[in-house]
Amino acid sequence: MGTFIGHAAPGAFFIVFSIWWMIQYAYTRVALDNGRQRPRSRILFILHRLPVEGTFIVLCAIGGFIGEMMYPAPKWTLIGSDGNWKHPNEWQHCTMYTYFGIYGAVNIMARTCIPAAAPFEKVFGALAFAIEGMLFFFHTHGREELDVQLHFLLVIAIFACFLTTAAEVWRKEDRLLPLFRFVFTMLQGTWFWHVGIVLYWPPSGEPWDQDSHLNLMFTTVMFTWHLLIDMLVLLFVYGSTSLILRVCGLSSVRYSQMNNGPEEMEVKLLGNNKDAGNHLLAGSDSE
């Protein structure tokens, strides 16, 4: 991760997921009426259950792990012939990828073979953020002051992601906590890019003065600007998604009311309600 690409890649990952989560949030709020409706089309109903998110997370984790250990040269050695640790940065990053990969795997299991794993999704998500934050907190030991501050601000964003994700474990029905998670995940992603640009790809072509007090001050100011811009971007995503759904989506896809809330969707999917299953098949040709 000691390159611009090494910071831009995880940054893009978190940016994409924060936007994806916001689109899902808007879809649930507008199209599904907070889980009180479901698509009558069997195709769309099945698409709701596909583990797209978990699969993408696992693939990204595997790709990050392999890329970290193979580029630009193989670095699979943990302990050298001299008995000392080798490639500590790479092994730290791979540990982070591993925990996010586990979170993705739990997401896949919850939506396919082990539905009972669903309550543990946020648990492993919070654990992945906690491990990431701990690793980055001790990542900059012995480095210059500006480098340390850039990564310390990144740790703040990561810790906020951990807190909001952990809070969702106990407050599943809270509608505000996911929004905080989206914002701080976006903040983490954009700040990864900022760190990469400052340290490895400065616009002026000249490296930043690592010991300048002015640079340290404005780095903190820019962190707050990132937060504001990220909130505006996600607000735009929510607004545009809601508008598209109201103008196009809701007029082209038929939805039916569910009397018992989101739990009824699980019952119908598993086939525990025969009448509900017949009703689903009857509406399978509706789009």
Protein backbone atom coordinates (compact mmCIF):
# COMPACT_ATOMS: atom_id res chain seq x y z
CA MET A 1 0.00 0.00 0.00
CA GLY A 2 3.07 2.24 -0.10
CA THR A 3 2.06 3.64 -3.50
CA PHE A 4 -0.68 5.85 -4.89
CA ILE A 5 -2.49 2.83 -6.34
CA GLY A 6 -2.18 1.10 -2.98
CA HIS A 7 -4.24 3.92 -1.41
CA ALA A 8 -6.53 4.59 -4.37
CA ALA A 9 -7.72 0.98 -4.69
CA PRO A 10 -9.12 0.58 -1.14
CA GLY A 11 -10.39 4.16 -1.37
CA ALA A 12 -12.37 3.31 -4.50
CA PHE A 13 -13.69 0.18 -2.76
CA PHE A 14 -15.14 2.17 0.15
CA ILE A 15 -16.51 4.92 -2.11
CA VAL A 16 -18.31 2.39 -4.31
CA PHE A 17 -19.80 0.61 -1.33
CA SER A 18 -21.02 3.76 0.37
CA ILE A 19 -22.82 4.75 -2.85
CA TRP A 20 -24.17 1.19 -3.28
CA TRP A 21 -25.50 1.18 0.28
CA MET A 22 -27.19 4.54 -0.25
CA ILE A 23 -28.88 3.31 -3.44
CA GLN A 24 -30.10 0.23 -1.53
CA TYR A 25 -31.33 2.47 1.29
CA ALA A 26 -33.28 4.65 -1.14
CA TYR A 27 -34.74 1.57 -2.87
CA THR A 28 -35.88 0.10 0.45
CA ARG A 29 -37.40 3.38 1.61
CA VAL A 30 -39.13 4.35 -1.63
CA ALA A 31 -39.88 1.21 -3.64
CA LEU A 32 -40.29 -1.31 -0.83
CA ASP A 33 -41.87 1.16 1.64
CA ASN A 34 -39.38 0.22 4.38
CA GLY A 35 -39.85 -3.50 3.79
CA ARG A 36 -43.64 -3.49 3.78
CA GLN A 37 -43.85 -4.36 0.08
CA ARG A 38 -42.19 -6.85 -2.23
CA PRO A 39 -41.85 -7.26 -6.00
CA ARG A 40 -44.53 -9.51 -7.52
CA SER A 41 -42.13 -10.65 -10.23
CA ARG A 42 -40.42 -13.91 -9.27
CA ILE A 43 -37.29 -12.79 -11.15
CA LEU A 44 -36.95 -9.59 -9.14
CA PHE A 45 -37.84 -11.48 -5.97
CA ILE A 46 -34.92 -13.86 -6.56
CA LEU A 47 -32.59 -10.97 -7.43
CA HIS A 48 -33.28 -9.55 -3.98
CA ARG A 49 -31.72 -12.67 -2.52
CA LEU A 50 -28.57 -12.86 -4.67
CA PRO A 51 -25.42 -12.24 -2.55
CA VAL A 52 -24.08 -9.57 -4.90
CA GLU A 53 -22.56 -7.47 -2.13
CA GLY A 54 -20.87 -10.34 -0.31
CA THR A 55 -19.50 -11.83 -3.53
CA PHE A 56 -18.00 -8.50 -4.57
CA ILE A 57 -16.41 -8.03 -1.13
CA VAL A 58 -14.85 -11.50 -1.19
CA LEU A 59 -13.48 -11.00 -4.72
CA CYS A 60 -12.02 -7.60 -3.79
CA ALA A 61 -10.44 -9.08 -0.64
CA ILE A 62 -8.87 -11.93 -2.60
CA GLY A 63 -7.66 -9.54 -5.30
CA GLY A 64 -6.22 -7.15 -2.72
CA PHE A 65 -4.47 -9.99 -0.88
CA ILE A 66 -2.88 -11.41 -4.03
CA GLY A 67 -1.98 -7.99 -5.42
CA GLU A 68 -0.37 -6.95 -2.14
CA MET A 69 1.77 -10.07 -1.97
CA MET A 70 2.65 -10.35 -5.67
CA TYR A 71 3.19 -6.76 -6.89
CA PRO A 72 5.78 -5.74 -7.92
CA ALA A 73 7.48 -8.96 -6.70
CA PRO A 74 6.42 -11.93 -4.56
CA LYS A 75 6.53 -11.20 -0.81
CA TRP A 76 5.18 -14.39 0.75
CA THR A 77 8.05 -14.71 3.25
CA LEU A 78 6.94 -14.08 6.84
CA ILE A 79 10.22 -14.81 8.64
CA GLY A 80 13.54 -14.49 6.82
CA SER A 81 16.59 -16.70 7.06
CA ASP A 82 18.01 -14.25 9.60
CA GLY A 83 15.07 -14.89 11.92
CA ASN A 84 13.57 -11.40 11.48
CA TRP A 85 10.06 -10.49 10.34
CA LYS A 86 9.72 -9.71 6.64
CA HIS A 87 7.29 -7.42 4.78
CA PRO A 88 5.36 -6.15 7.85
CA ASN A 89 3.34 -3.58 5.86
CA GLU A 90 2.17 -6.13 3.34
CA TRP A 91 1.13 -8.62 6.02
CA GLN A 92 -0.78 -5.87 7.84
CA HIS A 93 -2.70 -5.02 4.68
CA CYS A 94 -3.39 -8.68 3.94
CA THR A 95 -4.76 -9.12 7.45
CA MET A 96 -7.16 -6.26 6.79
CA TYR A 97 -8.27 -7.85 3.49
CA THR A 98 -8.79 -11.18 5.25
CA TYR A 99 -11.22 -9.77 7.80
CA PHE A 100 -13.24 -7.97 5.16
CA GLY A 101 -13.25 -11.21 3.16
CA ILE A 102 -14.70 -13.02 6.19
CA TYR A 103 -17.39 -10.35 6.43
CA GLY A 104 -18.23 -10.89 2.76
CA ALA A 105 -18.36 -14.66 3.26
CA VAL A 106 -20.84 -14.26 6.14
CA ASN A 107 -22.94 -12.02 3.90
CA ILE A 108 -23.00 -14.73 1.22
CA MET A 109 -23.95 -17.48 3.70
CA ALA A 110 -26.74 -15.36 5.19
CA ARG A 111 -28.33 -14.97 1.76
CA THR A 112 -27.85 -18.51 0.51
CA CYS A 113 -27.21 -21.60 2.60
CA ILE A 114 -27.32 -20.32 6.23
CA PRO A 115 -30.04 -17.65 6.70
CA ALA A 116 -29.44 -17.85 10.47
CA ALA A 117 -26.09 -16.09 9.88
CA ALA A 118 -27.86 -12.82 8.97
CA PRO A 119 -27.67 -11.33 12.51
CA PHE A 120 -23.89 -11.80 12.43
CA GLU A 121 -23.30 -9.73 9.29
CA LYS A 122 -22.97 -6.46 11.18
CA VAL A 123 -20.92 -8.19 13.88
CA PHE A 124 -18.26 -9.25 11.38
CA GLY A 125 -18.54 -5.92 9.56
CA ALA A 126 -17.78 -4.08 12.81
CA LEU A 127 -14.93 -6.52 13.51
CA ALA A 128 -13.41 -5.85 10.07
CA PHE A 129 -13.49 -2.08 10.68
CA ALA A 130 -12.02 -2.56 14.18
CA ILE A 131 -9.11 -4.63 12.86
CA GLU A 132 -8.51 -2.14 10.05
CA GLY A 133 -8.45 0.78 12.49
CA MET A 134 -6.08 -0.98 14.88
CA LEU A 135 -3.69 -1.89 12.09
CA PHE A 136 -3.58 1.66 10.70
CA PHE A 137 -3.20 3.17 14.17
CA PHE A 138 0.14 1.35 14.53
CA HIS A 139 0.95 1.61 10.82
CA THR A 140 2.96 4.85 10.92
CA HIS A 141 5.36 4.24 13.80
CA GLY A 142 8.58 6.17 13.19
CA ARG A 143 7.29 8.07 10.15
CA GLU A 144 7.31 11.83 9.56
CA GLU A 145 4.75 14.09 11.20
CA LEU A 146 2.53 14.83 8.20
CA ASP A 147 2.38 11.13 7.25
CA VAL A 148 1.35 10.29 10.81
CA GLN A 149 -1.38 12.93 10.88
CA LEU A 150 -2.82 11.86 7.53
CA HIS A 151 -3.15 8.29 8.75
CA PHE A 152 -4.41 9.34 12.20
CA LEU A 153 -7.31 11.17 10.54
CA LEU A 154 -7.94 8.05 8.50
CA VAL A 155 -8.13 6.08 11.76
CA ILE A 156 -10.79 8.51 13.02
CA ALA A 157 -12.94 7.77 9.96
CA ILE A 158 -12.40 4.02 10.38
CA PHE A 159 -13.26 4.15 14.08
CA ALA A 160 -16.49 6.01 13.24
CA CYS A 161 -17.34 3.22 10.77
CA PHE A 162 -16.75 0.67 13.53
CA LEU A 163 -18.94 2.51 16.04
CA THR A 164 -21.89 2.93 13.70
CA THR A 165 -21.69 -0.65 12.40
CA ALA A 166 -21.45 -2.03 15.94
CA ALA A 167 -24.42 0.10 17.04
CA GLU A 168 -26.50 -1.46 14.25
CA VAL A 169 -26.02 -4.86 15.88
CA TRP A 170 -28.26 -3.77 18.78
CA ARG A 171 -30.43 -1.21 16.98
CA LYS A 172 -31.41 -3.02 13.80
CA GLU A 173 -34.51 -0.90 13.15
CA ASP A 174 -32.79 2.47 13.55
CA ARG A 175 -32.98 4.34 10.25
CA LEU A 176 -30.31 6.92 11.06
CA LEU A 177 -27.40 4.64 11.99
CA PRO A 178 -26.99 3.27 8.44
CA LEU A 179 -26.76 6.82 7.14
CA PHE A 180 -23.85 7.53 9.50
CA ARG A 181 -22.19 4.32 8.30
CA PHE A 182 -22.58 5.40 4.67
CA VAL A 183 -21.10 8.84 5.33
CA PHE A 184 -18.10 7.63 7.32
CA THR A 185 -17.39 4.86 4.81
CA MET A 186 -17.41 7.45 2.03
CA LEU A 187 -15.16 9.66 4.17
CA GLN A 188 -12.74 6.79 4.62
CA GLY A 189 -12.70 6.19 0.87
CA THR A 190 -12.14 9.78 -0.19
CA TRP A 191 -9.50 10.28 2.52
CA PHE A 192 -7.60 7.23 1.26
CA TRP A 193 -7.38 9.05 -2.07
CA HIS A 194 -6.29 12.25 -0.33
CA VAL A 195 -3.50 10.44 1.52
CA GLY A 196 -2.30 8.82 -1.70
CA ILE A 197 -2.28 12.14 -3.55
CA VAL A 198 -0.43 14.03 -0.80
CA LEU A 199 2.22 11.38 -0.24
CA TYR A 200 2.74 9.95 -3.74
CA TRP A 201 1.10 12.15 -6.39
CA PRO A 202 1.03 15.82 -5.34
CA PRO A 203 -0.63 18.03 -8.02
CA SER A 204 2.29 20.47 -7.99
CA GLY A 205 4.77 17.68 -8.58
CA GLU A 206 6.66 18.76 -5.47
CA PRO A 207 6.48 16.69 -2.27
CA TRP A 208 4.71 18.33 0.67
CA ASP A 209 6.91 19.59 3.51
CA GLN A 210 6.41 16.86 6.12
CA ASP A 211 7.35 19.15 9.03
CA SER A 212 5.42 22.29 8.02
CA HIS A 213 2.93 23.40 10.66
CA LEU A 214 0.78 25.01 7.96
CA ASN A 215 0.51 21.70 6.12
CA LEU A 216 -0.55 19.99 9.35
CA MET A 217 -3.21 22.63 10.02
CA PHE A 218 -4.68 22.57 6.52
CA THR A 219 -4.67 18.77 6.48
CA THR A 220 -7.15 18.84 9.37
CA VAL A 221 -9.24 21.50 7.63
CA MET A 222 -9.35 19.43 4.44
CA PHE A 223 -10.53 16.40 6.43
CA THR A 224 -13.61 18.39 7.51
CA TRP A 225 -14.15 19.50 3.90
CA HIS A 226 -14.12 15.86 2.83
CA LEU A 227 -16.86 15.12 5.37
CA LEU A 228 -19.06 17.94 4.07
CA ILE A 229 -18.56 17.04 0.40
CA ASP A 230 -19.20 13.36 1.08
CA MET A 231 -22.49 14.17 2.81
CA LEU A 232 -23.56 16.28 -0.17
CA VAL A 233 -22.60 13.52 -2.63
CA LEU A 234 -24.61 10.90 -0.74
CA LEU A 235 -27.56 13.27 -0.43
CA PHE A 236 -27.45 13.69 -4.21
CA VAL A 237 -27.29 9.90 -4.67
CA TYR A 238 -30.32 9.42 -2.43
CA GLY A 239 -32.29 12.19 -4.11
CA SER A 240 -31.52 11.10 -7.67
CA THR A 241 -32.20 7.42 -6.88
CA SER A 242 -35.52 8.26 -5.24
CA LEU A 243 -36.51 10.44 -8.19
CA ILE A 244 -35.64 7.73 -10.73
CA LEU A 245 -37.59 5.13 -8.75
CA ARG A 246 -40.66 7.34 -8.51
CA VAL A 247 -40.58 8.38 -12.17
CA CYS A 248 -39.54 5.09 -13.78
CA GLY A 249 -39.15 2.20 -11.39
CA LEU A 250 -42.46 2.23 -9.57
CA SER A 251 -44.41 2.60 -12.80
CA SER A 252 -42.72 -0.39 -14.49
CA VAL A 253 -42.50 -2.87 -11.59
CA ARG A 254 -45.56 -4.09 -9.72
CA TYR A 255 -45.29 -4.44 -5.94
CA SER A 256 -47.65 -6.16 -3.53
CA GLN A 257 -48.36 -5.32 0.10
CA MET A 258 -46.99 -7.53 2.86
CA ASN A 259 -49.15 -7.64 5.98
CA ASN A 260 -46.48 -8.83 8.40
CA GLY A 261 -43.59 -6.62 7.35
CA PRO A 262 -40.14 -7.73 6.11
CA GLU A 263 -40.35 -11.09 7.90
CA GLU A 264 -43.08 -12.21 5.48
CA MET A 265 -40.63 -12.08 2.59
CA GLU A 266 -38.42 -14.64 4.33
CA VAL A 267 -41.39 -16.94 4.98
CA LYS A 268 -42.50 -16.82 1.37
CA LEU A 269 -38.99 -17.38 0.05
CA LEU A 270 -38.49 -20.50 2.16
CA GLY A 271 -41.86 -21.91 1.09
CA ASN A 272 -43.29 -22.19 4.57
CA ASN A 273 -46.56 -20.59 3.45
CA LYS A 274 -48.22 -22.54 0.64
CA ASP A 275 -50.76 -19.88 -0.26
CA ALA A 276 -48.06 -17.23 -0.38
CA GLY A 277 -46.02 -19.42 -2.72
CA ASN A 278 -48.99 -19.86 -5.07
CA HIS A 279 -49.54 -16.12 -5.07
CA LEU A 280 -45.87 -15.55 -5.95
CA LEU A 281 -46.05 -17.96 -8.90
CA ALA A 282 -49.24 -16.35 -10.14
CA GLY A 283 -47.49 -13.00 -10.34
CA SER A 284 -44.27 -14.29 -11.87
CA ASP A 285 -45.07 -12.86 -15.31
CA SER A 286 -45.62 -9.35 -13.96
CA GLU A 287 -42.89 -6.84 -14.42
